[in-house]
Amino acid sequence: MYSIVEIYIFVLAEIVYARYTILIHKLGNMGIVAGAIECGQLYIYTVFFRGAGR
């Protein structure tokens, strides 16, 4: 079973992915850069929550 935090992160990742897919279509390379930054932040949050949760 997944914890509530993990489910929250999965949902957040889906939303972020959808948002940046749209941005990449609109902005091209800038959208990719923005997406990479956001994914980096999401990864840090994931590691932080996992560290805090267990």
PDB file of N, CA and C in Angstrom:
ATOM      1  N   MET A   1       0.842  -1.208   0.000  1.00  0.00           N
ATOM      2  CA  MET A   1       0.000   0.000   0.000  1.00  0.00           C
ATOM      3  C   MET A   1       0.878   1.258   0.000  1.00  0.00           C
ATOM      4  N   TYR A   2       0.357   2.268  -0.654  1.00  0.00           N
ATOM      5  CA  TYR A   2       1.054   3.553  -0.665  1.00  0.00           C
ATOM      6  C   TYR A   2       0.561   4.409   0.490  1.00  0.00           C
ATOM      7  N   SER A   3       1.446   5.245   1.012  1.00  0.00           N
ATOM      8  CA  SER A   3       1.026   6.190   2.043  1.00  0.00           C
ATOM      9  C   SER A   3       0.296   7.362   1.384  1.00  0.00           C
ATOM     10  N   ILE A   4      -0.387   8.144   2.176  1.00  0.00           N
ATOM     11  CA  ILE A   4      -1.134   9.308   1.671  1.00  0.00           C
ATOM     12  C   ILE A   4      -0.185  10.282   0.985  1.00  0.00           C
ATOM     13  N   VAL A   5       0.979  10.485   1.569  1.00  0.00           N
ATOM     14  CA  VAL A   5       1.957  11.415   0.994  1.00  0.00           C
ATOM     15  C   VAL A   5       2.412  10.950  -0.387  1.00  0.00           C
ATOM     16  N   GLU A   6       2.639   9.653  -0.535  1.00  0.00           N
ATOM     17  CA  GLU A   6       3.070   9.119  -1.829  1.00  0.00           C
ATOM     18  C   GLU A   6       1.990   9.291  -2.889  1.00  0.00           C
ATOM     19  N   ILE A   7       0.744   9.047  -2.528  1.00  0.00           N
ATOM     20  CA  ILE A   7      -0.372   9.244  -3.457  1.00  0.00           C
ATOM     21  C   ILE A   7      -0.454  10.715  -3.853  1.00  0.00           C
ATOM     22  N   TYR A   8      -0.302  11.606  -2.861  1.00  0.00           N
ATOM     23  CA  TYR A   8      -0.310  13.051  -3.109  1.00  0.00           C
ATOM     24  C   TYR A   8       0.779  13.427  -4.108  1.00  0.00           C
ATOM     25  N   ILE A   9       1.967  12.861  -3.928  1.00  0.00           N
ATOM     26  CA  ILE A   9       3.094  13.143  -4.830  1.00  0.00           C
ATOM     27  C   ILE A   9       2.800  12.629  -6.238  1.00  0.00           C
ATOM     28  N   PHE A  10       2.206  11.444  -6.347  1.00  0.00           N
ATOM     29  CA  PHE A  10       1.857  10.910  -7.669  1.00  0.00           C
ATOM     30  C   PHE A  10       0.874  11.838  -8.383  1.00  0.00           C
ATOM     31  N   VAL A  11      -0.140  12.297  -7.656  1.00  0.00           N
ATOM     32  CA  VAL A  11      -1.143  13.200  -8.233  1.00  0.00           C
ATOM     33  C   VAL A  11      -0.486  14.511  -8.645  1.00  0.00           C
ATOM     34  N   LEU A  12       0.359  15.042  -7.765  1.00  0.00           N
ATOM     35  CA  LEU A  12       1.076  16.284  -8.043  1.00  0.00           C
ATOM     36  C   LEU A  12       1.934  16.143  -9.294  1.00  0.00           C
ATOM     37  N   ALA A  13       2.617  15.001  -9.409  1.00  0.00           N
ATOM     38  CA  ALA A  13       3.478  14.745 -10.567  1.00  0.00           C
ATOM     39  C   ALA A  13       2.661  14.726 -11.854  1.00  0.00           C
ATOM     40  N   GLU A  14       1.481  14.120 -11.816  1.00  0.00           N
ATOM     41  CA  GLU A  14       0.601  14.080 -12.990  1.00  0.00           C
ATOM     42  C   GLU A  14       0.197  15.487 -13.412  1.00  0.00           C
ATOM     43  N   ILE A  15      -0.175  16.311 -12.434  1.00  0.00           N
ATOM     44  CA  ILE A  15      -0.603  17.693 -12.716  1.00  0.00           C
ATOM     45  C   ILE A  15       0.555  18.491 -13.311  1.00  0.00           C
ATOM     46  N   VAL A  16       1.722  18.366 -12.686  1.00  0.00           N
ATOM     47  CA  VAL A  16       2.917  19.074 -13.161  1.00  0.00           C
ATOM     48  C   VAL A  16       3.261  18.636 -14.577  1.00  0.00           C
ATOM     49  N   TYR A  17       3.201  17.322 -14.813  1.00  0.00           N
ATOM     50  CA  TYR A  17       3.533  16.782 -16.133  1.00  0.00           C
ATOM     51  C   TYR A  17       2.587  17.332 -17.194  1.00  0.00           C
ATOM     52  N   ALA A  18       1.299  17.347 -16.892  1.00  0.00           N
ATOM     53  CA  ALA A  18       0.305  17.861 -17.833  1.00  0.00           C
ATOM     54  C   ALA A  18       0.541  19.344 -18.117  1.00  0.00           C
ATOM     55  N   ARG A  19       0.803  20.108 -17.057  1.00  0.00           N
ATOM     56  CA  ARG A  19       1.028  21.544 -17.192  1.00  0.00           C
ATOM     57  C   ARG A  19       2.229  21.826 -18.077  1.00  0.00           C
ATOM     58  N   TYR A  20       3.319  21.098 -17.854  1.00  0.00           N
ATOM     59  CA  TYR A  20       4.535  21.367 -18.608  1.00  0.00           C
ATOM     60  C   TYR A  20       4.505  20.780 -20.006  1.00  0.00           C
ATOM     61  N   THR A  21       3.711  19.762 -20.237  1.00  0.00           N
ATOM     62  CA  THR A  21       3.514  19.274 -21.603  1.00  0.00           C
ATOM     63  C   THR A  21       2.875  20.386 -22.433  1.00  0.00           C
ATOM     64  N   ILE A  22       1.883  21.063 -21.858  1.00  0.00           N
ATOM     65  CA  ILE A  22       1.225  22.190 -22.521  1.00  0.00           C
ATOM     66  C   ILE A  22       2.224  23.330 -22.738  1.00  0.00           C
ATOM     67  N   LEU A  23       3.001  23.640 -21.704  1.00  0.00           N
ATOM     68  CA  LEU A  23       3.992  24.720 -21.810  1.00  0.00           C
ATOM     69  C   LEU A  23       5.032  24.446 -22.881  1.00  0.00           C
ATOM     70  N   ILE A  24       5.486  23.203 -22.962  1.00  0.00           N
ATOM     71  CA  ILE A  24       6.497  22.844 -23.955  1.00  0.00           C
ATOM     72  C   ILE A  24       5.940  23.049 -25.363  1.00  0.00           C
ATOM     73  N   HIS A  25       4.672  22.705 -25.568  1.00  0.00           N
ATOM     74  CA  HIS A  25       4.046  22.939 -26.871  1.00  0.00           C
ATOM     75  C   HIS A  25       3.973  24.430 -27.187  1.00  0.00           C
ATOM     76  N   LYS A  26       3.703  25.243 -26.161  1.00  0.00           N
ATOM     77  CA  LYS A  26       3.576  26.679 -26.380  1.00  0.00           C
ATOM     78  C   LYS A  26       4.930  27.382 -26.494  1.00  0.00           C
ATOM     79  N   LEU A  27       5.873  27.011 -25.639  1.00  0.00           N
ATOM     80  CA  LEU A  27       7.117  27.770 -25.506  1.00  0.00           C
ATOM     81  C   LEU A  27       8.342  27.113 -26.122  1.00  0.00           C
ATOM     82  N   GLY A  28       8.219  25.832 -26.467  1.00  0.00           N
ATOM     83  CA  GLY A  28       9.388  25.140 -27.005  1.00  0.00           C
ATOM     84  C   GLY A  28      10.445  24.908 -25.935  1.00  0.00           C
ATOM     85  N   ASN A  29      11.672  25.335 -26.224  1.00  0.00           N
ATOM     86  CA  ASN A  29      12.800  25.055 -25.328  1.00  0.00           C
ATOM     87  C   ASN A  29      12.642  25.655 -23.937  1.00  0.00           C
ATOM     88  N   MET A  30      12.049  26.822 -23.840  1.00  0.00           N
ATOM     89  CA  MET A  30      11.833  27.449 -22.528  1.00  0.00           C
ATOM     90  C   MET A  30      10.912  26.593 -21.667  1.00  0.00           C
ATOM     91  N   GLY A  31       9.948  25.979 -22.282  1.00  0.00           N
ATOM     92  CA  GLY A  31       9.043  25.083 -21.568  1.00  0.00           C
ATOM     93  C   GLY A  31       9.776  23.875 -21.007  1.00  0.00           C
ATOM     94  N   ILE A  32      10.729  23.382 -21.767  1.00  0.00           N
ATOM     95  CA  ILE A  32      11.526  22.238 -21.310  1.00  0.00           C
ATOM     96  C   ILE A  32      12.370  22.626 -20.092  1.00  0.00           C
ATOM     97  N   VAL A  33      12.959  23.827 -20.153  1.00  0.00           N
ATOM     98  CA  VAL A  33      13.770  24.320 -19.033  1.00  0.00           C
ATOM     99  C   VAL A  33      12.907  24.470 -17.784  1.00  0.00           C
ATOM    100  N   ALA A  34      11.755  25.098 -17.948  1.00  0.00           N
ATOM    101  CA  ALA A  34      10.829  25.295 -16.819  1.00  0.00           C
ATOM    102  C   ALA A  34      10.386  23.944 -16.259  1.00  0.00           C
ATOM    103  N   GLY A  35      10.113  22.997 -17.136  1.00  0.00           N
ATOM    104  CA  GLY A  35       9.703  21.655 -16.718  1.00  0.00           C
ATOM    105  C   GLY A  35      10.799  20.948 -15.939  1.00  0.00           C
ATOM    106  N   ALA A  36      12.028  21.103 -16.383  1.00  0.00           N
ATOM    107  CA  ALA A  36      13.161  20.464 -15.711  1.00  0.00           C
ATOM    108  C   ALA A  36      13.340  21.020 -14.306  1.00  0.00           C
ATOM    109  N   ILE A  37      13.183  22.336 -14.164  1.00  0.00           N
ATOM    110  CA  ILE A  37      13.302  22.973 -12.847  1.00  0.00           C
ATOM    111  C   ILE A  37      12.210  22.453 -11.921  1.00  0.00           C
ATOM    112  N   GLU A  38      10.979  22.399 -12.427  1.00  0.00           N
ATOM    113  CA  GLU A  38       9.841  21.928 -11.632  1.00  0.00           C
ATOM    114  C   GLU A  38      10.022  20.467 -11.228  1.00  0.00           C
ATOM    115  N   CYS A  39      10.504  19.641 -12.149  1.00  0.00           N
ATOM    116  CA  CYS A  39      10.730  18.232 -11.851  1.00  0.00           C
ATOM    117  C   CYS A  39      11.810  18.069 -10.792  1.00  0.00           C
ATOM    118  N   GLY A  40      12.826  18.916 -10.852  1.00  0.00           N
ATOM    119  CA  GLY A  40      13.886  18.903  -9.850  1.00  0.00           C
ATOM    120  C   GLY A  40      13.345  19.215  -8.466  1.00  0.00           C
ATOM    121  N   GLN A  41      12.463  20.219  -8.401  1.00  0.00           N
ATOM    122  CA  GLN A  41      11.834  20.583  -7.132  1.00  0.00           C
ATOM    123  C   GLN A  41      10.966  19.442  -6.618  1.00  0.00           C
ATOM    124  N   LEU A  42      10.208  18.827  -7.516  1.00  0.00           N
ATOM    125  CA  LEU A  42       9.329  17.716  -7.141  1.00  0.00           C
ATOM    126  C   LEU A  42      10.153  16.548  -6.591  1.00  0.00           C
ATOM    127  N   TYR A  43      11.298  16.292  -7.220  1.00  0.00           N
ATOM    128  CA  TYR A  43      12.189  15.226  -6.762  1.00  0.00           C
ATOM    129  C   TYR A  43      12.703  15.511  -5.351  1.00  0.00           C
ATOM    130  N   ILE A  44      13.087  16.760  -5.108  1.00  0.00           N
ATOM    131  CA  ILE A  44      13.572  17.165  -3.782  1.00  0.00           C
ATOM    132  C   ILE A  44      12.462  16.976  -2.743  1.00  0.00           C
ATOM    133  N   TYR A  45      11.239  17.410  -3.084  1.00  0.00           N
ATOM    134  CA  TYR A  45      10.104  17.238  -2.168  1.00  0.00           C
ATOM    135  C   TYR A  45       9.861  15.760  -1.875  1.00  0.00           C
ATOM    136  N   THR A  46       9.944  14.935  -2.910  1.00  0.00           N
ATOM    137  CA  THR A  46       9.721  13.494  -2.750  1.00  0.00           C
ATOM    138  C   THR A  46      10.718  12.905  -1.768  1.00  0.00           C
ATOM    139  N   VAL A  47      11.991  13.234  -1.971  1.00  0.00           N
ATOM    140  CA  VAL A  47      13.054  12.731  -1.092  1.00  0.00           C
ATOM    141  C   VAL A  47      12.839  13.227   0.328  1.00  0.00           C
ATOM    142  N   PHE A  48      12.479  14.513   0.441  1.00  0.00           N
ATOM    143  CA  PHE A  48      12.254  15.114   1.758  1.00  0.00           C
ATOM    144  C   PHE A  48      11.100  14.416   2.491  1.00  0.00           C
ATOM    145  N   PHE A  49       9.979  14.238   1.790  1.00  0.00           N
ATOM    146  CA  PHE A  49       8.804  13.613   2.407  1.00  0.00           C
ATOM    147  C   PHE A  49       9.090  12.163   2.791  1.00  0.00           C
ATOM    148  N   ARG A  50       9.808  11.454   1.935  1.00  0.00           N
ATOM    149  CA  ARG A  50      10.154  10.065   2.237  1.00  0.00           C
ATOM    150  C   ARG A  50      11.045  10.002   3.462  1.00  0.00           C
ATOM    151  N   GLY A  51      11.990  10.945   3.537  1.00  0.00           N
ATOM    152  CA  GLY A  51      12.891  11.009   4.681  1.00  0.00           C
ATOM    153  C   GLY A  51      12.129  11.341   5.958  1.00  0.00           C
ATOM    154  N   ALA A  52      11.166  12.264   5.847  1.00  0.00           N
ATOM    155  CA  ALA A  52      10.381  12.694   7.011  1.00  0.00           C
ATOM    156  C   ALA A  52       9.372  11.615   7.410  1.00  0.00           C
ATOM    157  N   GLY A  53       8.837  10.905   6.387  1.00  0.00           N
ATOM    158  CA  GLY A  53       7.762   9.940   6.635  1.00  0.00           C
ATOM    159  C   GLY A  53       8.228   8.652   7.283  1.00  0.00           C
ATOM    160  N   ARG A  54       9.507   8.296   7.030  1.00  0.00           N
ATOM    161  CA  ARG A  54       9.959   6.986   7.515  1.00  0.00           C
ATOM    162  C   ARG A  54      11.076   7.110   8.519  1.00  0.00           C
TER     163      ARG A  54
END
